Amino acid sequence: ERFRILIIGRANAGKTTILQRVCKTRENPEIYNSAGKKVQSPQRGMHDIENEMVFRNNPGFVFHDSRGFEAGGQFEFDKAKAFIASRSKERSLSDRIHVIWYCIPMDEDSRSFTEAEVKFFSQCDTGSIPVIVLFTKFDALYDDEFAELISKGVSRKDAEALAPQHAKEAFANGPQLKLLYNHKGNQRPPKCHICLPDMDKDGADCGPLIERTAEILNDDTLKQLFVSTQRTTLELCMRYAVER
């Protein structure tokens, strides 16, 4: 059995970096078409959602990458929607999509949701597949908080130490989360979200993503499959082994 994840997001959202961190590798994935034949890596942003991405370092994970429909393209949205619908109803557990990671980068000037993201959370029925929103490149928000602290007379050393926590607090009360969990606008909000800073740096910690993913899986078989497949945190394996 393999654990299957659909990762969605704009181009340059840091998707590949996150998958490399999860699989503890710096290599690019090998890509296979629906017939199981190995194919060449596509051009940036031109992924076929049906293709399987597998890292040799951890073949227990199978990833599907939806080409970022950031422009609001109806064709790409419809294709992702149909893929999710079909994969949520597969008879074989191993062929289903088990979780969706939706990446939204925080390093762009507007930091607001695109038309495609609003459309996904208001119109895309993911059925029983849980969705987690990954706010990637979250460290980009630290600069704003650092500048604000400096303007208030805080020393550079203290501002650097305080900026991450200030960014988290400001984000928790900001417009992105209000929009994301607004049931009037978004009829299909995610199960949860997670903020991921510094994923491009050595020693990046994706442990919180692994733990949140395990937490939202309601099916015990799937939960155990995910926990045993991930190699990020041994503590998680031990904890769920004890609970069983």
C-alpha atoms as a PDB file:
ATOM      1  CA  GLU A   1       0.000   0.000   0.000  1.00  0.00           C
ATOM      2  CA  ARG A   2       1.150   3.531  -0.763  1.00  0.00           C
ATOM      3  CA  PHE A   3      -0.110   6.824   0.624  1.00  0.00           C
ATOM      4  CA  ARG A   4      -1.375   9.139  -2.101  1.00  0.00           C
ATOM      5  CA  ILE A   5      -1.342  12.954  -1.835  1.00  0.00           C
ATOM      6  CA  LEU A   6      -2.629  15.582  -4.252  1.00  0.00           C
ATOM      7  CA  ILE A   7      -0.688  18.833  -3.966  1.00  0.00           C
ATOM      8  CA  ILE A   8      -2.247  21.941  -5.500  1.00  0.00           C
ATOM      9  CA  GLY A   9      -0.962  25.480  -5.823  1.00  0.00           C
ATOM     10  CA  ARG A  10       0.297  28.298  -7.959  1.00  0.00           C
ATOM     11  CA  ALA A  11       3.598  28.127  -9.775  1.00  0.00           C
ATOM     12  CA  ASN A  12       6.455  29.059  -7.402  1.00  0.00           C
ATOM     13  CA  ALA A  13       4.414  28.151  -4.332  1.00  0.00           C
ATOM     14  CA  GLY A  14       7.243  25.934  -3.085  1.00  0.00           C
ATOM     15  CA  LYS A  15       5.454  22.641  -3.710  1.00  0.00           C
ATOM     16  CA  THR A  16       8.454  20.591  -4.842  1.00  0.00           C
ATOM     17  CA  THR A  17      10.574  21.881  -1.953  1.00  0.00           C
ATOM     18  CA  ILE A  18       7.959  20.740   0.552  1.00  0.00           C
ATOM     19  CA  LEU A  19       7.723  17.281  -1.008  1.00  0.00           C
ATOM     20  CA  GLN A  20      11.501  16.972  -0.919  1.00  0.00           C
ATOM     21  CA  ARG A  21      11.492  17.892   2.759  1.00  0.00           C
ATOM     22  CA  VAL A  22       8.760  15.351   3.510  1.00  0.00           C
ATOM     23  CA  CYS A  23      10.723  12.630   1.720  1.00  0.00           C
ATOM     24  CA  LYS A  24      14.071  13.812   3.121  1.00  0.00           C
ATOM     25  CA  THR A  25      15.780  14.245  -0.233  1.00  0.00           C
ATOM     26  CA  ARG A  26      17.096  16.928  -2.546  1.00  0.00           C
ATOM     27  CA  GLU A  27      16.526  14.864  -5.678  1.00  0.00           C
ATOM     28  CA  ASN A  28      13.700  15.528  -8.084  1.00  0.00           C
ATOM     29  CA  PRO A  29      10.930  12.938  -8.241  1.00  0.00           C
ATOM     30  CA  GLU A  30      10.562  10.271 -10.879  1.00  0.00           C
ATOM     31  CA  ILE A  31       7.341  10.686 -12.838  1.00  0.00           C
ATOM     32  CA  TYR A  32       5.106   7.911 -14.171  1.00  0.00           C
ATOM     33  CA  ASN A  33       2.033   8.171 -16.363  1.00  0.00           C
ATOM     34  CA  SER A  34      -1.265   6.443 -15.633  1.00  0.00           C
ATOM     35  CA  ALA A  35      -0.007   3.314 -17.410  1.00  0.00           C
ATOM     36  CA  GLY A  36       2.956   3.104 -15.043  1.00  0.00           C
ATOM     37  CA  LYS A  37       5.496   4.147 -17.679  1.00  0.00           C
ATOM     38  CA  LYS A  38       8.267   6.512 -16.631  1.00  0.00           C
ATOM     39  CA  VAL A  39       8.057   9.864 -18.398  1.00  0.00           C
ATOM     40  CA  GLN A  40      10.272  12.922 -18.632  1.00  0.00           C
ATOM     41  CA  SER A  41       9.886  15.676 -16.086  1.00  0.00           C
ATOM     42  CA  PRO A  42       7.498  18.315 -17.439  1.00  0.00           C
ATOM     43  CA  GLN A  43       8.321  21.971 -17.863  1.00  0.00           C
ATOM     44  CA  ARG A  44       7.763  24.089 -14.785  1.00  0.00           C
ATOM     45  CA  GLY A  45       4.043  24.518 -14.086  1.00  0.00           C
ATOM     46  CA  MET A  46       3.012  21.993 -16.783  1.00  0.00           C
ATOM     47  CA  HIS A  47       2.253  18.927 -14.663  1.00  0.00           C
ATOM     48  CA  ASP A  48      -0.367  16.371 -15.663  1.00  0.00           C
ATOM     49  CA  ILE A  49      -2.507  15.703 -12.603  1.00  0.00           C
ATOM     50  CA  GLU A  50      -2.884  12.032 -13.603  1.00  0.00           C
ATOM     51  CA  ASN A  51       0.866  11.429 -13.451  1.00  0.00           C
ATOM     52  CA  GLU A  52       2.410   9.947 -10.327  1.00  0.00           C
ATOM     53  CA  MET A  53       5.430  11.594  -8.718  1.00  0.00           C
ATOM     54  CA  VAL A  54       7.602   9.281  -6.610  1.00  0.00           C
ATOM     55  CA  PHE A  55      10.844  10.025  -4.795  1.00  0.00           C
ATOM     56  CA  ARG A  56      13.276   7.120  -4.775  1.00  0.00           C
ATOM     57  CA  ASN A  57      14.154   7.970  -1.191  1.00  0.00           C
ATOM     58  CA  ASN A  58      10.607   7.197  -0.050  1.00  0.00           C
ATOM     59  CA  PRO A  59       8.524   5.309  -2.646  1.00  0.00           C
ATOM     60  CA  GLY A  60       5.750   4.798  -0.103  1.00  0.00           C
ATOM     61  CA  PHE A  61       4.430   8.257  -0.964  1.00  0.00           C
ATOM     62  CA  VAL A  62       2.754   8.921  -4.317  1.00  0.00           C
ATOM     63  CA  PHE A  63       2.155  12.560  -5.202  1.00  0.00           C
ATOM     64  CA  HIS A  64      -0.052  14.115  -7.841  1.00  0.00           C
ATOM     65  CA  ASP A  65       0.610  17.733  -8.802  1.00  0.00           C
ATOM     66  CA  SER A  66      -2.166  19.861 -10.203  1.00  0.00           C
ATOM     67  CA  ARG A  67      -0.888  22.537 -12.513  1.00  0.00           C
ATOM     68  CA  GLY A  68      -1.508  25.808 -10.731  1.00  0.00           C
ATOM     69  CA  PHE A  69      -4.752  27.191 -12.055  1.00  0.00           C
ATOM     70  CA  GLU A  70      -3.801  30.617 -10.713  1.00  0.00           C
ATOM     71  CA  ALA A  71      -5.150  32.387 -13.753  1.00  0.00           C
ATOM     72  CA  GLY A  72      -8.593  31.056 -12.986  1.00  0.00           C
ATOM     73  CA  GLY A  73      -8.569  28.845 -16.076  1.00  0.00           C
ATOM     74  CA  GLN A  74     -11.788  26.830 -16.255  1.00  0.00           C
ATOM     75  CA  PHE A  75     -10.157  23.909 -18.085  1.00  0.00           C
ATOM     76  CA  GLU A  76      -7.550  23.255 -15.371  1.00  0.00           C
ATOM     77  CA  PHE A  77     -10.117  23.739 -12.616  1.00  0.00           C
ATOM     78  CA  ASP A  78     -12.532  21.302 -14.247  1.00  0.00           C
ATOM     79  CA  LYS A  79      -9.748  18.761 -14.749  1.00  0.00           C
ATOM     80  CA  ALA A  80      -8.702  18.932 -11.083  1.00  0.00           C
ATOM     81  CA  LYS A  81     -12.326  18.751  -9.959  1.00  0.00           C
ATOM     82  CA  ALA A  82     -12.985  15.657 -12.098  1.00  0.00           C
ATOM     83  CA  PHE A  83      -9.763  14.011 -10.904  1.00  0.00           C
ATOM     84  CA  ILE A  84     -10.684  14.560  -7.250  1.00  0.00           C
ATOM     85  CA  ALA A  85     -14.205  13.259  -7.812  1.00  0.00           C
ATOM     86  CA  SER A  86     -13.027  10.088  -9.551  1.00  0.00           C
ATOM     87  CA  ARG A  87     -10.200   9.387  -7.110  1.00  0.00           C
ATOM     88  CA  SER A  88     -12.449   9.801  -4.092  1.00  0.00           C
ATOM     89  CA  LYS A  89     -14.628   6.940  -5.348  1.00  0.00           C
ATOM     90  CA  GLU A  90     -11.972   4.414  -6.342  1.00  0.00           C
ATOM     91  CA  ARG A  91     -12.733   0.926  -5.057  1.00  0.00           C
ATOM     92  CA  SER A  92      -9.138   0.237  -4.164  1.00  0.00           C
ATOM     93  CA  LEU A  93      -7.902   2.212  -1.168  1.00  0.00           C
ATOM     94  CA  SER A  94      -4.428   2.476  -2.703  1.00  0.00           C
ATOM     95  CA  ASP A  95      -5.823   4.228  -5.803  1.00  0.00           C
ATOM     96  CA  ARG A  96      -7.712   6.900  -3.865  1.00  0.00           C
ATOM     97  CA  ILE A  97      -6.384  10.318  -3.009  1.00  0.00           C
ATOM     98  CA  HIS A  98      -5.928  10.231   0.750  1.00  0.00           C
ATOM     99  CA  VAL A  99      -5.297  13.910   1.466  1.00  0.00           C
ATOM    100  CA  ILE A 100      -5.013  17.215  -0.413  1.00  0.00           C
ATOM    101  CA  TRP A 101      -2.336  19.772   0.403  1.00  0.00           C
ATOM    102  CA  TYR A 102      -3.282  23.167  -1.047  1.00  0.00           C
ATOM    103  CA  CYS A 103      -0.294  25.557  -1.129  1.00  0.00           C
ATOM    104  CA  ILE A 104      -0.724  29.323  -0.947  1.00  0.00           C
ATOM    105  CA  PRO A 105       2.541  31.330  -0.921  1.00  0.00           C
ATOM    106  CA  MET A 106       2.956  34.317   1.360  1.00  0.00           C
ATOM    107  CA  ASP A 107       5.819  35.993  -0.507  1.00  0.00           C
ATOM    108  CA  GLU A 108       3.717  37.803  -3.088  1.00  0.00           C
ATOM    109  CA  ASP A 109       2.829  41.463  -2.665  1.00  0.00           C
ATOM    110  CA  SER A 110      -0.939  41.090  -2.485  1.00  0.00           C
ATOM    111  CA  ARG A 111      -0.923  37.912  -0.342  1.00  0.00           C
ATOM    112  CA  SER A 112      -4.573  37.578  -1.166  1.00  0.00           C
ATOM    113  CA  PHE A 113      -6.416  34.630  -2.611  1.00  0.00           C
ATOM    114  CA  THR A 114      -6.542  34.280  -6.359  1.00  0.00           C
ATOM    115  CA  GLU A 115      -9.758  33.674  -8.249  1.00  0.00           C
ATOM    116  CA  ALA A 116      -8.742  30.015  -8.585  1.00  0.00           C
ATOM    117  CA  GLU A 117      -8.334  29.564  -4.842  1.00  0.00           C
ATOM    118  CA  VAL A 118     -11.675  31.164  -4.085  1.00  0.00           C
ATOM    119  CA  LYS A 119     -13.257  28.954  -6.737  1.00  0.00           C
ATOM    120  CA  PHE A 120     -11.702  25.805  -5.291  1.00  0.00           C
ATOM    121  CA  PHE A 121     -12.949  26.368  -1.752  1.00  0.00           C
ATOM    122  CA  SER A 122     -16.393  27.466  -2.845  1.00  0.00           C
ATOM    123  CA  GLN A 123     -17.094  25.014  -5.663  1.00  0.00           C
ATOM    124  CA  CYS A 124     -14.852  21.938  -5.491  1.00  0.00           C
ATOM    125  CA  ASP A 125     -16.435  19.005  -3.689  1.00  0.00           C
ATOM    126  CA  THR A 126     -13.581  16.944  -2.255  1.00  0.00           C
ATOM    127  CA  GLY A 127     -15.949  14.395  -0.731  1.00  0.00           C
ATOM    128  CA  SER A 128     -14.304  12.522   2.109  1.00  0.00           C
ATOM    129  CA  ILE A 129     -10.799  13.673   1.140  1.00  0.00           C
ATOM    130  CA  PRO A 130      -9.487  16.056   3.809  1.00  0.00           C
ATOM    131  CA  VAL A 131      -7.848  19.302   2.696  1.00  0.00           C
ATOM    132  CA  ILE A 132      -5.047  21.127   4.506  1.00  0.00           C
ATOM    133  CA  VAL A 133      -3.997  24.601   3.391  1.00  0.00           C
ATOM    134  CA  LEU A 134      -0.241  25.133   3.486  1.00  0.00           C
ATOM    135  CA  PHE A 135       0.726  28.798   3.749  1.00  0.00           C
ATOM    136  CA  THR A 136       4.172  28.437   2.221  1.00  0.00           C
ATOM    137  CA  LYS A 137       7.104  30.879   2.324  1.00  0.00           C
ATOM    138  CA  PHE A 138       5.615  32.190   5.558  1.00  0.00           C
ATOM    139  CA  ASP A 139       8.959  33.690   6.550  1.00  0.00           C
ATOM    140  CA  ALA A 140       8.292  36.444   3.989  1.00  0.00           C
ATOM    141  CA  LEU A 141       5.949  37.961   6.579  1.00  0.00           C
ATOM    142  CA  TYR A 142       8.772  38.252   9.082  1.00  0.00           C
ATOM    143  CA  ASP A 143      10.308  41.160   7.158  1.00  0.00           C
ATOM    144  CA  ASP A 144       7.180  43.279   7.565  1.00  0.00           C
ATOM    145  CA  GLU A 145       7.032  42.660  11.292  1.00  0.00           C
ATOM    146  CA  PHE A 146      10.776  43.251  11.629  1.00  0.00           C
ATOM    147  CA  ALA A 147      10.470  46.653   9.929  1.00  0.00           C
ATOM    148  CA  GLU A 148       7.527  47.609  12.109  1.00  0.00           C
ATOM    149  CA  LEU A 149       9.373  46.649  15.294  1.00  0.00           C
ATOM    150  CA  ILE A 150      12.427  48.650  14.214  1.00  0.00           C
ATOM    151  CA  SER A 151      10.198  51.669  13.564  1.00  0.00           C
ATOM    152  CA  LYS A 152       8.997  51.406  17.178  1.00  0.00           C
ATOM    153  CA  GLY A 153      12.544  51.620  18.500  1.00  0.00           C
ATOM    154  CA  VAL A 154      13.147  47.906  19.102  1.00  0.00           C
ATOM    155  CA  SER A 155      16.779  46.837  18.654  1.00  0.00           C
ATOM    156  CA  ARG A 156      17.673  44.818  15.559  1.00  0.00           C
ATOM    157  CA  LYS A 157      18.565  41.782  17.663  1.00  0.00           C
ATOM    158  CA  ASP A 158      15.270  41.846  19.557  1.00  0.00           C
ATOM    159  CA  ALA A 159      13.294  42.604  16.393  1.00  0.00           C
ATOM    160  CA  GLU A 160      14.749  39.524  14.679  1.00  0.00           C
ATOM    161  CA  ALA A 161      13.796  37.386  17.666  1.00  0.00           C
ATOM    162  CA  LEU A 162      10.289  38.812  17.982  1.00  0.00           C
ATOM    163  CA  ALA A 163       9.318  39.052  14.292  1.00  0.00           C
ATOM    164  CA  PRO A 164       8.277  35.379  13.777  1.00  0.00           C
ATOM    165  CA  GLN A 165       5.848  35.368  16.717  1.00  0.00           C
ATOM    166  CA  HIS A 166       4.455  38.781  15.774  1.00  0.00           C
ATOM    167  CA  ALA A 167       3.907  37.520  12.215  1.00  0.00           C
ATOM    168  CA  LYS A 168       2.000  34.464  13.480  1.00  0.00           C
ATOM    169  CA  GLU A 169      -0.203  36.590  15.723  1.00  0.00           C
ATOM    170  CA  ALA A 170      -0.942  39.140  13.000  1.00  0.00           C
ATOM    171  CA  PHE A 171      -1.721  36.384  10.502  1.00  0.00           C
ATOM    172  CA  ALA A 172      -4.050  34.607  12.945  1.00  0.00           C
ATOM    173  CA  ASN A 173      -6.212  37.730  13.014  1.00  0.00           C
ATOM    174  CA  GLY A 174      -5.722  38.664   9.368  1.00  0.00           C
ATOM    175  CA  PRO A 175      -8.012  38.581   6.330  1.00  0.00           C
ATOM    176  CA  GLN A 176      -6.699  35.330   4.820  1.00  0.00           C
ATOM    177  CA  LEU A 177      -8.011  33.060   7.574  1.00  0.00           C
ATOM    178  CA  LYS A 178     -11.291  34.943   7.886  1.00  0.00           C
ATOM    179  CA  LEU A 179     -11.893  34.415   4.175  1.00  0.00           C
ATOM    180  CA  LEU A 180     -10.714  30.804   4.234  1.00  0.00           C
ATOM    181  CA  TYR A 181     -13.046  29.731   7.028  1.00  0.00           C
ATOM    182  CA  ASN A 182     -15.963  31.959   6.055  1.00  0.00           C
ATOM    183  CA  HIS A 183     -18.735  29.437   5.428  1.00  0.00           C
ATOM    184  CA  LYS A 184     -20.842  31.986   3.551  1.00  0.00           C
ATOM    185  CA  GLY A 185     -18.160  32.615   0.948  1.00  0.00           C
ATOM    186  CA  ASN A 186     -16.327  29.297   1.149  1.00  0.00           C
ATOM    187  CA  GLN A 187     -18.846  26.512   1.386  1.00  0.00           C
ATOM    188  CA  ARG A 188     -16.066  23.913   1.490  1.00  0.00           C
ATOM    189  CA  PRO A 189     -13.409  25.207   3.891  1.00  0.00           C
ATOM    190  CA  PRO A 190     -10.331  23.070   4.633  1.00  0.00           C
ATOM    191  CA  LYS A 191      -9.965  20.846   7.666  1.00  0.00           C
ATOM    192  CA  CYS A 192      -7.140  23.023   8.910  1.00  0.00           C
ATOM    193  CA  HIS A 193      -4.168  25.107   7.822  1.00  0.00           C
ATOM    194  CA  ILE A 194      -0.497  25.277   8.667  1.00  0.00           C
ATOM    195  CA  CYS A 195       2.155  27.978   8.226  1.00  0.00           C
ATOM    196  CA  LEU A 196       5.446  26.761   6.762  1.00  0.00           C
ATOM    197  CA  PRO A 197       8.457  29.101   6.979  1.00  0.00           C
ATOM    198  CA  ASP A 198      12.017  28.514   5.784  1.00  0.00           C
ATOM    199  CA  MET A 199      11.334  25.294   3.887  1.00  0.00           C
ATOM    200  CA  ASP A 200      14.174  26.166   1.502  1.00  0.00           C
ATOM    201  CA  LYS A 201      16.764  26.202   4.294  1.00  0.00           C
ATOM    202  CA  ASP A 202      18.910  23.353   5.590  1.00  0.00           C
ATOM    203  CA  GLY A 203      17.329  21.683   8.576  1.00  0.00           C
ATOM    204  CA  ALA A 204      13.823  22.863   7.628  1.00  0.00           C
ATOM    205  CA  ASP A 205      11.218  21.289   9.881  1.00  0.00           C
ATOM    206  CA  CYS A 206       8.136  19.845   8.194  1.00  0.00           C
ATOM    207  CA  GLY A 207       7.249  17.901  11.339  1.00  0.00           C
ATOM    208  CA  PRO A 208       4.196  20.099  12.061  1.00  0.00           C
ATOM    209  CA  LEU A 209       2.810  19.323   8.583  1.00  0.00           C
ATOM    210  CA  ILE A 210       3.258  15.597   9.163  1.00  0.00           C
ATOM    211  CA  GLU A 211       1.579  15.766  12.571  1.00  0.00           C
ATOM    212  CA  ARG A 212      -1.402  17.806  11.370  1.00  0.00           C
ATOM    213  CA  THR A 213      -1.909  15.454   8.428  1.00  0.00           C
ATOM    214  CA  ALA A 214      -1.941  12.450  10.739  1.00  0.00           C
ATOM    215  CA  GLU A 215      -4.376  14.208  13.079  1.00  0.00           C
ATOM    216  CA  ILE A 216      -7.032  14.882  10.438  1.00  0.00           C
ATOM    217  CA  LEU A 217      -7.121  11.335   9.030  1.00  0.00           C
ATOM    218  CA  ASN A 218     -10.252   9.722  10.443  1.00  0.00           C
ATOM    219  CA  ASP A 219      -9.636   6.266   9.021  1.00  0.00           C
ATOM    220  CA  ASP A 220      -7.338   4.264  11.320  1.00  0.00           C
ATOM    221  CA  THR A 221      -5.945   2.220   8.431  1.00  0.00           C
ATOM    222  CA  LEU A 222      -5.020   5.352   6.512  1.00  0.00           C
ATOM    223  CA  LYS A 223      -3.599   7.002   9.598  1.00  0.00           C
ATOM    224  CA  GLN A 224      -1.356   4.026  10.277  1.00  0.00           C
ATOM    225  CA  LEU A 225      -0.290   3.885   6.623  1.00  0.00           C
ATOM    226  CA  PHE A 226       0.647   7.577   6.654  1.00  0.00           C
ATOM    227  CA  VAL A 227       2.494   7.397   9.966  1.00  0.00           C
ATOM    228  CA  SER A 228       4.496   4.339   8.910  1.00  0.00           C
ATOM    229  CA  THR A 229       5.307   5.857   5.497  1.00  0.00           C
ATOM    230  CA  GLN A 230       6.598   9.210   6.718  1.00  0.00           C
ATOM    231  CA  ARG A 231      10.229   9.333   7.846  1.00  0.00           C
ATOM    232  CA  THR A 232      10.251  12.846   9.260  1.00  0.00           C
ATOM    233  CA  THR A 233       9.515  12.104  12.881  1.00  0.00           C
ATOM    234  CA  LEU A 234      10.220   8.847  14.690  1.00  0.00           C
ATOM    235  CA  GLU A 235       8.357  10.212  17.698  1.00  0.00           C
ATOM    236  CA  LEU A 236       5.118  10.166  15.703  1.00  0.00           C
ATOM    237  CA  CYS A 237       5.593   6.498  14.802  1.00  0.00           C
ATOM    238  CA  MET A 238       6.213   5.614  18.421  1.00  0.00           C
ATOM    239  CA  ARG A 239       3.226   7.619  19.664  1.00  0.00           C
ATOM    240  CA  TYR A 240       0.752   5.959  17.306  1.00  0.00           C
ATOM    241  CA  ALA A 241       2.273   2.536  17.983  1.00  0.00           C
ATOM    242  CA  VAL A 242       1.597   3.042  21.695  1.00  0.00           C
ATOM    243  CA  GLU A 243      -1.948   4.278  21.027  1.00  0.00           C
ATOM    244  CA  ARG A 244      -2.716   1.202  18.997  1.00  0.00           C
END
